[in-house]
Amino acid sequence: MVNSYEKKRNFIYRIFHFFNSHYDYGYALILPNEVLIAADLKVNFDALGILIGLYTIILGVSILVFGYLTDKINRKRILIFSGLLWAIPVIFYLFILEFWQLLLLRIIAAIAQEQHH
């Protein structure tokens, strides 16, 4: 029998997972702003395409790796780690001056985004 604490915890987890799984932060930051990013960093759209493709590949690999780790390690620890890791690119997006900086932050964001899938 499930006690009331477990019901509440499961309900909160489901709501948290619902909101995180229905909004993909990774693509929502780049796709609508491609023109502005390309102009600001003085890169062509091919470079942004590579950036999006690399993000997608790293995200796919990270989902597999962290999915396995989630089964072996406490899910709460993985979730806290990914939340803290995801905060790094969000803060440093404001200070990007060159394309390689954006590329590095997108790689970190892809690794951190894995837990939300």
Protein backbone atom coordinates (compact mmCIF):
# COMPACT_ATOMS: atom_id res chain seq x y z
CA MET A 1 0.00 0.00 0.00
CA VAL A 2 1.29 3.45 -0.91
CA ASN A 3 1.29 5.96 1.93
CA SER A 4 0.29 9.60 1.55
CA TYR A 5 3.90 10.83 1.51
CA GLU A 6 4.73 8.62 -1.47
CA LYS A 7 1.57 9.72 -3.29
CA LYS A 8 2.48 13.37 -2.77
CA ARG A 9 6.08 12.79 -3.84
CA ASN A 10 4.99 10.90 -6.95
CA PHE A 11 2.49 13.62 -7.82
CA ILE A 12 5.12 16.37 -7.50
CA TYR A 13 7.59 14.33 -9.55
CA ARG A 14 5.01 13.81 -12.32
CA ILE A 15 4.21 17.51 -12.50
CA PHE A 16 7.92 18.39 -12.56
CA HIS A 17 8.58 15.82 -15.28
CA PHE A 18 5.57 16.98 -17.32
CA PHE A 19 6.76 20.58 -17.47
CA ASN A 20 10.38 19.65 -18.14
CA SER A 21 9.59 17.14 -20.85
CA HIS A 22 7.23 19.42 -22.77
CA TYR A 23 9.63 22.29 -23.21
CA ASP A 24 12.97 21.68 -24.82
CA TYR A 25 15.20 24.53 -23.76
CA GLY A 26 17.96 23.55 -26.13
CA TYR A 27 16.20 24.24 -29.38
CA ALA A 28 14.05 27.07 -28.08
CA LEU A 29 17.11 29.25 -27.50
CA ILE A 30 18.77 28.87 -30.90
CA LEU A 31 16.13 28.29 -33.58
CA PRO A 32 14.07 31.49 -33.20
CA ASN A 33 17.23 33.59 -32.91
CA GLU A 34 19.41 32.18 -35.69
CA VAL A 35 19.55 35.42 -37.66
CA LEU A 36 20.47 37.50 -34.62
CA ILE A 37 23.09 35.02 -33.44
CA ALA A 38 24.67 34.75 -36.89
CA ALA A 39 24.85 38.53 -37.22
CA ASP A 40 26.17 39.09 -33.72
CA LEU A 41 28.88 36.42 -33.87
CA LYS A 42 29.60 37.03 -37.58
CA VAL A 43 29.12 33.38 -38.58
CA ASN A 44 27.15 31.86 -41.43
CA PHE A 45 24.11 29.66 -41.07
CA ASP A 46 26.15 26.54 -41.83
CA ALA A 47 27.99 27.00 -38.55
CA LEU A 48 24.68 27.27 -36.70
CA GLY A 49 23.49 24.11 -38.44
CA ILE A 50 26.59 22.29 -37.22
CA LEU A 51 25.96 23.70 -33.75
CA ILE A 52 22.38 22.36 -33.72
CA GLY A 53 23.47 18.99 -35.12
CA LEU A 54 26.24 18.63 -32.56
CA TYR A 55 23.82 19.54 -29.78
CA THR A 56 21.41 16.85 -30.98
CA ILE A 57 24.10 14.16 -31.17
CA ILE A 58 25.51 14.96 -27.71
CA LEU A 59 22.00 15.08 -26.28
CA GLY A 60 21.26 11.62 -27.70
CA VAL A 61 24.45 10.11 -26.27
CA SER A 62 23.89 11.83 -22.92
CA ILE A 63 20.38 10.43 -22.67
CA LEU A 64 21.75 6.90 -23.01
CA VAL A 65 24.63 7.42 -20.57
CA PHE A 66 22.66 9.23 -17.89
CA GLY A 67 19.68 6.93 -18.33
CA TYR A 68 21.94 4.06 -17.33
CA LEU A 69 23.48 6.08 -14.48
CA THR A 70 20.02 7.01 -13.21
CA ASP A 71 19.30 3.32 -12.74
CA LYS A 72 22.56 2.84 -10.82
CA ILE A 73 22.68 6.11 -8.85
CA ASN A 74 19.97 7.95 -6.98
CA ARG A 75 17.74 9.81 -9.47
CA LYS A 76 17.59 12.82 -7.17
CA ARG A 77 21.37 13.27 -7.29
CA ILE A 78 21.43 13.07 -11.08
CA LEU A 79 18.59 15.61 -11.30
CA ILE A 80 20.36 18.04 -8.96
CA PHE A 81 23.61 17.60 -10.89
CA SER A 82 21.95 18.28 -14.23
CA GLY A 83 20.11 21.32 -12.86
CA LEU A 84 23.31 22.84 -11.54
CA LEU A 85 25.18 21.96 -14.72
CA TRP A 86 22.42 23.49 -16.85
CA ALA A 87 22.69 26.75 -14.90
CA ILE A 88 26.26 27.28 -16.16
CA PRO A 89 25.37 27.86 -19.82
CA VAL A 90 22.28 29.86 -18.92
CA ILE A 91 24.38 32.34 -16.95
CA PHE A 92 27.25 32.51 -19.42
CA TYR A 93 25.05 32.91 -22.53
CA LEU A 94 25.02 36.59 -21.62
CA PHE A 95 28.77 36.90 -22.04
CA ILE A 96 29.34 35.11 -25.37
CA LEU A 97 31.59 37.05 -27.74
CA GLU A 98 32.79 34.34 -30.11
CA PHE A 99 31.33 31.26 -31.79
CA TRP A 100 33.57 28.79 -29.94
CA GLN A 101 32.16 30.05 -26.64
CA LEU A 102 28.62 29.38 -27.85
CA LEU A 103 29.70 25.94 -29.05
CA LEU A 104 31.21 25.07 -25.67
CA LEU A 105 28.15 26.25 -23.76
CA ARG A 106 25.84 24.31 -26.09
CA ILE A 107 27.83 21.13 -25.40
CA ILE A 108 27.46 21.69 -21.65
CA ALA A 109 23.75 22.43 -22.11
CA ALA A 110 23.24 19.21 -24.11
CA ILE A 111 24.89 17.15 -21.38
CA ALA A 112 22.82 18.87 -18.70
CA GLN A 113 19.55 18.61 -20.65
CA GLU A 114 19.66 14.81 -20.73
CA GLN A 115 17.97 14.28 -17.37
CA HIS A 116 14.89 16.19 -18.43
CA HIS A 117 14.05 13.69 -21.16
